[in-house]
C-alpha cells in the first residue's frame, strides 16, 4: 500500500494549487473591495457592521467554492 499524497509530484502539485487558489481568492476579494462604495475593513471592524460582515463572509465562501471547483475541474 503506497501513500499517493506522499509522492513529491503530488505534494508539489497540491502546494501549487493551494497557493494558486489562495491567490485567486485574494485577487477577487480585492477587486470586490474596490468596487464597493465604502471601505469594507472600516465598516466591519471599526463600525461593527455585523450585517455587512455576514454578507462579506457569504461572498468569501462563494468565491472559495468557485475557485475550488475551477481548480478541481
PDB file of N, CA and C in Angstrom:
ATOM      1  N   UNK A   1       0.843  -1.189   0.000  1.00  0.00           N
ATOM      2  CA  UNK A   1       0.000   0.000   0.000  1.00  0.00           C
ATOM      3  C   UNK A   1       0.881   1.243   0.000  1.00  0.00           C
ATOM      4  N   UNK A   2       0.751   2.004  -1.046  1.00  0.00           N
ATOM      5  CA  UNK A   2       1.570   3.199  -1.184  1.00  0.00           C
ATOM      6  C   UNK A   2       0.714   4.441  -0.957  1.00  0.00           C
ATOM      7  N   UNK A   3       1.267   5.387  -0.236  1.00  0.00           N
ATOM      8  CA  UNK A   3       0.544   6.636   0.018  1.00  0.00           C
ATOM      9  C   UNK A   3       0.752   7.584  -1.158  1.00  0.00           C
ATOM     10  N   UNK A   4      -0.305   7.800  -1.925  1.00  0.00           N
ATOM     11  CA  UNK A   4      -0.243   8.614  -3.146  1.00  0.00           C
ATOM     12  C   UNK A   4       0.153  10.055  -2.849  1.00  0.00           C
ATOM     13  N   UNK A   5      -0.358  10.598  -1.748  1.00  0.00           N
ATOM     14  CA  UNK A   5      -0.127  12.021  -1.471  1.00  0.00           C
ATOM     15  C   UNK A   5       1.277  12.310  -0.961  1.00  0.00           C
ATOM     16  N   UNK A   6       2.070  11.254  -0.661  1.00  0.00           N
ATOM     17  CA  UNK A   6       3.448  11.468  -0.210  1.00  0.00           C
ATOM     18  C   UNK A   6       4.448  11.540  -1.358  1.00  0.00           C
ATOM     19  N   UNK A   7       3.995  11.263  -2.552  1.00  0.00           N
ATOM     20  CA  UNK A   7       4.908  11.393  -3.692  1.00  0.00           C
ATOM     21  C   UNK A   7       5.269  12.861  -3.882  1.00  0.00           C
ATOM     22  N   UNK A   8       6.503  13.136  -4.295  1.00  0.00           N
ATOM     23  CA  UNK A   8       6.921  14.536  -4.475  1.00  0.00           C
ATOM     24  C   UNK A   8       6.068  15.283  -5.497  1.00  0.00           C
ATOM     25  N   UNK A   9       5.698  14.626  -6.579  1.00  0.00           N
ATOM     26  CA  UNK A   9       4.890  15.296  -7.605  1.00  0.00           C
ATOM     27  C   UNK A   9       3.513  15.681  -7.088  1.00  0.00           C
ATOM     28  N   UNK A  10       2.884  14.783  -6.362  1.00  0.00           N
ATOM     29  CA  UNK A  10       1.557  15.065  -5.812  1.00  0.00           C
ATOM     30  C   UNK A  10       1.629  16.141  -4.742  1.00  0.00           C
ATOM     31  N   UNK A  11       2.658  16.088  -3.906  1.00  0.00           N
ATOM     32  CA  UNK A  11       2.813  17.085  -2.848  1.00  0.00           C
ATOM     33  C   UNK A  11       3.071  18.470  -3.420  1.00  0.00           C
ATOM     34  N   UNK A  12       3.953  18.570  -4.392  1.00  0.00           N
ATOM     35  CA  UNK A  12       4.245  19.861  -5.018  1.00  0.00           C
ATOM     36  C   UNK A  12       3.024  20.381  -5.767  1.00  0.00           C
ATOM     37  N   UNK A  13       2.323  19.491  -6.467  1.00  0.00           N
ATOM     38  CA  UNK A  13       1.097  19.895  -7.161  1.00  0.00           C
ATOM     39  C   UNK A  13       0.049  20.425  -6.206  1.00  0.00           C
ATOM     40  N   UNK A  14      -0.106  19.777  -5.063  1.00  0.00           N
ATOM     41  CA  UNK A  14      -1.074  20.243  -4.063  1.00  0.00           C
ATOM     42  C   UNK A  14      -0.697  21.613  -3.527  1.00  0.00           C
ATOM     43  N   UNK A  15       0.563  21.827  -3.263  1.00  0.00           N
ATOM     44  CA  UNK A  15       1.023  23.123  -2.751  1.00  0.00           C
ATOM     45  C   UNK A  15       0.817  24.209  -3.800  1.00  0.00           C
ATOM     46  N   UNK A  16       1.136  23.921  -5.051  1.00  0.00           N
ATOM     47  CA  UNK A  16       0.964  24.905  -6.124  1.00  0.00           C
ATOM     48  C   UNK A  16      -0.506  25.269  -6.298  1.00  0.00           C
ATOM     49  N   UNK A  17      -1.382  24.263  -6.319  1.00  0.00           N
ATOM     50  CA  UNK A  17      -2.804  24.546  -6.481  1.00  0.00           C
ATOM     51  C   UNK A  17      -3.378  25.272  -5.273  1.00  0.00           C
ATOM     52  N   UNK A  18      -2.893  24.966  -4.071  1.00  0.00           N
ATOM     53  CA  UNK A  18      -3.352  25.682  -2.882  1.00  0.00           C
ATOM     54  C   UNK A  18      -2.941  27.156  -2.951  1.00  0.00           C
ATOM     55  N   UNK A  19      -1.697  27.416  -3.339  1.00  0.00           N
ATOM     56  CA  UNK A  19      -1.243  28.799  -3.470  1.00  0.00           C
ATOM     57  C   UNK A  19      -1.984  29.531  -4.586  1.00  0.00           C
ATOM     58  N   UNK A  20      -2.241  28.827  -5.672  1.00  0.00           N
ATOM     59  CA  UNK A  20      -3.000  29.419  -6.772  1.00  0.00           C
ATOM     60  C   UNK A  20      -4.417  29.768  -6.328  1.00  0.00           C
ATOM     61  N   UNK A  21      -5.055  28.888  -5.578  1.00  0.00           N
ATOM     62  CA  UNK A  21      -6.404  29.151  -5.081  1.00  0.00           C
ATOM     63  C   UNK A  21      -6.450  30.314  -4.116  1.00  0.00           C
ATOM     64  N   UNK A  22      -5.499  30.382  -3.208  1.00  0.00           N
ATOM     65  CA  UNK A  22      -5.450  31.499  -2.256  1.00  0.00           C
ATOM     66  C   UNK A  22      -5.186  32.807  -2.996  1.00  0.00           C
ATOM     67  N   UNK A  23      -4.312  32.778  -3.977  1.00  0.00           N
ATOM     68  CA  UNK A  23      -4.034  33.988  -4.762  1.00  0.00           C
ATOM     69  C   UNK A  23      -5.249  34.464  -5.540  1.00  0.00           C
ATOM     70  N   UNK A  24      -5.971  33.519  -6.141  1.00  0.00           N
ATOM     71  CA  UNK A  24      -7.182  33.897  -6.882  1.00  0.00           C
ATOM     72  C   UNK A  24      -8.245  34.447  -5.945  1.00  0.00           C
ATOM     73  N   UNK A  25      -8.380  33.845  -4.761  1.00  0.00           N
ATOM     74  CA  UNK A  25      -9.342  34.352  -3.784  1.00  0.00           C
ATOM     75  C   UNK A  25      -8.974  35.754  -3.347  1.00  0.00           C
ATOM     76  N   UNK A  26      -7.697  35.980  -3.035  1.00  0.00           N
ATOM     77  CA  UNK A  26      -7.256  37.290  -2.583  1.00  0.00           C
ATOM     78  C   UNK A  26      -7.487  38.347  -3.667  1.00  0.00           C
ATOM     79  N   UNK A  27      -7.155  38.020  -4.900  1.00  0.00           N
ATOM     80  CA  UNK A  27      -7.340  38.960  -6.004  1.00  0.00           C
ATOM     81  C   UNK A  27      -8.810  39.306  -6.211  1.00  0.00           C
ATOM     82  N   UNK A  28      -9.677  38.305  -6.175  1.00  0.00           N
ATOM     83  CA  UNK A  28     -11.110  38.580  -6.363  1.00  0.00           C
ATOM     84  C   UNK A  28     -11.673  39.375  -5.187  1.00  0.00           C
ATOM     85  N   UNK A  29     -11.194  39.115  -3.976  1.00  0.00           N
ATOM     86  CA  UNK A  29     -11.661  39.881  -2.823  1.00  0.00           C
ATOM     87  C   UNK A  29     -11.223  41.338  -2.920  1.00  0.00           C
ATOM     88  N   UNK A  30     -10.004  41.581  -3.367  1.00  0.00           N
ATOM     89  CA  UNK A  30      -9.515  42.960  -3.528  1.00  0.00           C
ATOM     90  C   UNK A  30     -10.328  43.685  -4.596  1.00  0.00           C
ATOM     91  N   UNK A  31     -10.653  43.005  -5.683  1.00  0.00           N
ATOM     92  CA  UNK A  31     -11.459  43.616  -6.746  1.00  0.00           C
ATOM     93  C   UNK A  31     -12.841  43.976  -6.219  1.00  0.00           C
ATOM     94  N   UNK A  32     -13.459  43.073  -5.482  1.00  0.00           N
ATOM     95  CA  UNK A  32     -14.787  43.365  -4.928  1.00  0.00           C
ATOM     96  C   UNK A  32     -14.702  44.482  -3.907  1.00  0.00           C
ATOM     97  N   UNK A  33     -13.645  44.531  -3.119  1.00  0.00           N
ATOM     98  CA  UNK A  33     -13.468  45.614  -2.144  1.00  0.00           C
ATOM     99  C   UNK A  33     -13.347  46.962  -2.856  1.00  0.00           C
ATOM    100  N   UNK A  34     -12.653  46.982  -3.990  1.00  0.00           N
ATOM    101  CA  UNK A  34     -12.513  48.237  -4.747  1.00  0.00           C
ATOM    102  C   UNK A  34     -13.815  48.651  -5.417  1.00  0.00           C
ATOM    103  N   UNK A  35     -14.677  47.685  -5.766  1.00  0.00           N
ATOM    104  CA  UNK A  35     -15.943  48.000  -6.438  1.00  0.00           C
ATOM    105  C   UNK A  35     -17.012  48.530  -5.480  1.00  0.00           C
ATOM    106  N   UNK A  36     -16.875  48.226  -4.202  1.00  0.00           N
ATOM    107  CA  UNK A  36     -17.870  48.711  -3.243  1.00  0.00           C
ATOM    108  C   UNK A  36     -17.630  50.193  -2.961  1.00  0.00           C
ATOM    109  N   UNK A  37     -18.707  50.938  -2.676  1.00  0.00           N
ATOM    110  CA  UNK A  37     -18.557  52.383  -2.486  1.00  0.00           C
ATOM    111  C   UNK A  37     -17.970  52.793  -1.132  1.00  0.00           C
ATOM    112  N   UNK A  38     -17.676  51.850  -0.252  1.00  0.00           N
ATOM    113  CA  UNK A  38     -17.122  52.176   1.059  1.00  0.00           C
ATOM    114  C   UNK A  38     -16.010  51.193   1.403  1.00  0.00           C
ATOM    115  N   UNK A  39     -15.251  51.510   2.444  1.00  0.00           N
ATOM    116  CA  UNK A  39     -14.140  50.676   2.878  1.00  0.00           C
ATOM    117  C   UNK A  39     -14.682  49.520   3.717  1.00  0.00           C
ATOM    118  N   UNK A  40     -14.565  48.299   3.217  1.00  0.00           N
ATOM    119  CA  UNK A  40     -15.120  47.141   3.917  1.00  0.00           C
ATOM    120  C   UNK A  40     -14.486  46.943   5.293  1.00  0.00           C
ATOM    121  N   UNK A  41     -13.164  47.085   5.380  1.00  0.00           N
ATOM    122  CA  UNK A  41     -12.487  46.854   6.655  1.00  0.00           C
ATOM    123  C   UNK A  41     -12.968  47.843   7.715  1.00  0.00           C
ATOM    124  N   UNK A  42     -13.055  49.108   7.368  1.00  0.00           N
ATOM    125  CA  UNK A  42     -13.501  50.126   8.323  1.00  0.00           C
ATOM    126  C   UNK A  42     -14.950  49.874   8.732  1.00  0.00           C
ATOM    127  N   UNK A  43     -15.771  49.503   7.799  1.00  0.00           N
ATOM    128  CA  UNK A  43     -17.191  49.271   8.071  1.00  0.00           C
ATOM    129  C   UNK A  43     -17.376  48.071   8.998  1.00  0.00           C
ATOM    130  N   UNK A  44     -16.632  46.990   8.765  1.00  0.00           N
ATOM    131  CA  UNK A  44     -16.809  45.763   9.548  1.00  0.00           C
ATOM    132  C   UNK A  44     -16.123  45.861  10.909  1.00  0.00           C
ATOM    133  N   UNK A  45     -14.879  46.314  10.933  1.00  0.00           N
ATOM    134  CA  UNK A  45     -14.093  46.285  12.169  1.00  0.00           C
ATOM    135  C   UNK A  45     -14.361  47.505  13.042  1.00  0.00           C
ATOM    136  N   UNK A  46     -14.276  48.687  12.470  1.00  0.00           N
ATOM    137  CA  UNK A  46     -14.393  49.893  13.293  1.00  0.00           C
ATOM    138  C   UNK A  46     -15.836  50.251  13.626  1.00  0.00           C
ATOM    139  N   UNK A  47     -16.728  50.091  12.651  1.00  0.00           N
ATOM    140  CA  UNK A  47     -18.128  50.454  12.885  1.00  0.00           C
ATOM    141  C   UNK A  47     -18.972  49.272  13.345  1.00  0.00           C
ATOM    142  N   UNK A  48     -18.363  48.086  13.444  1.00  0.00           N
ATOM    143  CA  UNK A  48     -19.032  46.876  13.937  1.00  0.00           C
ATOM    144  C   UNK A  48     -20.309  46.541  13.160  1.00  0.00           C
ATOM    145  N   UNK A  49     -20.258  46.644  11.833  1.00  0.00           N
ATOM    146  CA  UNK A  49     -21.414  46.363  10.988  1.00  0.00           C
ATOM    147  C   UNK A  49     -21.519  44.847  10.789  1.00  0.00           C
ATOM    148  N   UNK A  50     -22.328  44.209  11.632  1.00  0.00           N
ATOM    149  CA  UNK A  50     -22.451  42.755  11.608  1.00  0.00           C
ATOM    150  C   UNK A  50     -23.117  42.256  10.329  1.00  0.00           C
ATOM    151  N   UNK A  51     -24.109  42.972   9.849  1.00  0.00           N
ATOM    152  CA  UNK A  51     -24.808  42.547   8.630  1.00  0.00           C
ATOM    153  C   UNK A  51     -23.851  42.521   7.436  1.00  0.00           C
ATOM    154  N   UNK A  52     -23.022  43.539   7.316  1.00  0.00           N
ATOM    155  CA  UNK A  52     -22.049  43.565   6.220  1.00  0.00           C
ATOM    156  C   UNK A  52     -21.021  42.452   6.399  1.00  0.00           C
ATOM    157  N   UNK A  53     -20.647  42.153   7.634  1.00  0.00           N
ATOM    158  CA  UNK A  53     -19.716  41.061   7.898  1.00  0.00           C
ATOM    159  C   UNK A  53     -20.265  39.721   7.437  1.00  0.00           C
ATOM    160  N   UNK A  54     -21.564  39.500   7.667  1.00  0.00           N
ATOM    161  CA  UNK A  54     -22.196  38.253   7.237  1.00  0.00           C
ATOM    162  C   UNK A  54     -22.236  38.190   5.709  1.00  0.00           C
ATOM    163  N   UNK A  55     -22.554  39.306   5.059  1.00  0.00           N
ATOM    164  CA  UNK A  55     -22.609  39.334   3.593  1.00  0.00           C
ATOM    165  C   UNK A  55     -21.222  39.092   2.996  1.00  0.00           C
ATOM    166  N   UNK A  56     -20.201  39.711   3.569  1.00  0.00           N
ATOM    167  CA  UNK A  56     -18.838  39.525   3.069  1.00  0.00           C
ATOM    168  C   UNK A  56     -18.371  38.091   3.316  1.00  0.00           C
ATOM    169  N   UNK A  57     -18.740  37.502   4.448  1.00  0.00           N
ATOM    170  CA  UNK A  57     -18.384  36.111   4.719  1.00  0.00           C
ATOM    171  C   UNK A  57     -19.046  35.173   3.707  1.00  0.00           C
ATOM    172  N   UNK A  58     -20.311  35.418   3.396  1.00  0.00           N
ATOM    173  CA  UNK A  58     -21.006  34.595   2.404  1.00  0.00           C
ATOM    174  C   UNK A  58     -20.359  34.760   1.028  1.00  0.00           C
ATOM    175  N   UNK A  59     -19.975  35.986   0.701  1.00  0.00           N
ATOM    176  CA  UNK A  59     -19.309  36.239  -0.570  1.00  0.00           C
ATOM    177  C   UNK A  59     -17.958  35.513  -0.614  1.00  0.00           C
ATOM    178  N   UNK A  60     -17.222  35.532   0.490  1.00  0.00           N
ATOM    179  CA  UNK A  60     -15.928  34.859   0.540  1.00  0.00           C
ATOM    180  C   UNK A  60     -16.092  33.352   0.360  1.00  0.00           C
ATOM    181  N   UNK A  61     -17.094  32.776   0.994  1.00  0.00           N
ATOM    182  CA  UNK A  61     -17.351  31.339   0.824  1.00  0.00           C
ATOM    183  C   UNK A  61     -17.742  31.021  -0.617  1.00  0.00           C
ATOM    184  N   UNK A  62     -18.530  31.883  -1.230  1.00  0.00           N
ATOM    185  CA  UNK A  62     -18.913  31.680  -2.624  1.00  0.00           C
ATOM    186  C   UNK A  62     -17.712  31.719  -3.547  1.00  0.00           C
ATOM    187  N   UNK A  63     -16.828  32.698  -3.330  1.00  0.00           N
ATOM    188  CA  UNK A  63     -15.614  32.798  -4.138  1.00  0.00           C
ATOM    189  C   UNK A  63     -14.744  31.562  -3.937  1.00  0.00           C
ATOM    190  N   UNK A  64     -14.633  31.113  -2.708  1.00  0.00           N
ATOM    191  CA  UNK A  64     -13.824  29.923  -2.423  1.00  0.00           C
ATOM    192  C   UNK A  64     -14.378  28.691  -3.116  1.00  0.00           C
ATOM    193  N   UNK A  65     -15.689  28.539  -3.135  1.00  0.00           N
ATOM    194  CA  UNK A  65     -16.302  27.398  -3.827  1.00  0.00           C
ATOM    195  C   UNK A  65     -16.046  27.457  -5.328  1.00  0.00           C
ATOM    196  N   UNK A  66     -16.133  28.643  -5.901  1.00  0.00           N
ATOM    197  CA  UNK A  66     -15.894  28.800  -7.338  1.00  0.00           C
ATOM    198  C   UNK A  66     -14.441  28.486  -7.674  1.00  0.00           C
ATOM    199  N   UNK A  67     -13.501  29.003  -6.862  1.00  0.00           N
ATOM    200  CA  UNK A  67     -12.080  28.747  -7.096  1.00  0.00           C
ATOM    201  C   UNK A  67     -11.770  27.262  -6.939  1.00  0.00           C
ATOM    202  N   UNK A  68     -12.330  26.627  -5.918  1.00  0.00           N
ATOM    203  CA  UNK A  68     -12.087  25.198  -5.714  1.00  0.00           C
ATOM    204  C   UNK A  68     -12.643  24.363  -6.861  1.00  0.00           C
ATOM    205  N   UNK A  69     -13.826  24.731  -7.348  1.00  0.00           N
ATOM    206  CA  UNK A  69     -14.420  23.998  -8.476  1.00  0.00           C
ATOM    207  C   UNK A  69     -13.608  24.210  -9.745  1.00  0.00           C
ATOM    208  N   UNK A  70     -13.090  25.419  -9.936  1.00  0.00           N
ATOM    209  CA  UNK A  70     -12.282  25.690 -11.133  1.00  0.00           C
ATOM    210  C   UNK A  70     -10.969  24.922 -11.087  1.00  0.00           C
ATOM    211  N   UNK A  71     -10.358  24.809  -9.919  1.00  0.00           N
ATOM    212  CA  UNK A  71      -9.092  24.095  -9.811  1.00  0.00           C
ATOM    213  C   UNK A  71      -9.317  22.591  -9.903  1.00  0.00           C
ATOM    214  N   UNK A  72     -10.376  22.115  -9.287  1.00  0.00           N
ATOM    215  CA  UNK A  72     -10.648  20.667  -9.280  1.00  0.00           C
ATOM    216  C   UNK A  72     -11.008  20.162 -10.669  1.00  0.00           C
ATOM    217  N   UNK A  73     -11.716  20.989 -11.416  1.00  0.00           N
ATOM    218  CA  UNK A  73     -12.026  20.614 -12.782  1.00  0.00           C
ATOM    219  C   UNK A  73     -13.397  20.186 -12.938  1.00  0.00           C
TER     220      UNK A  73
END
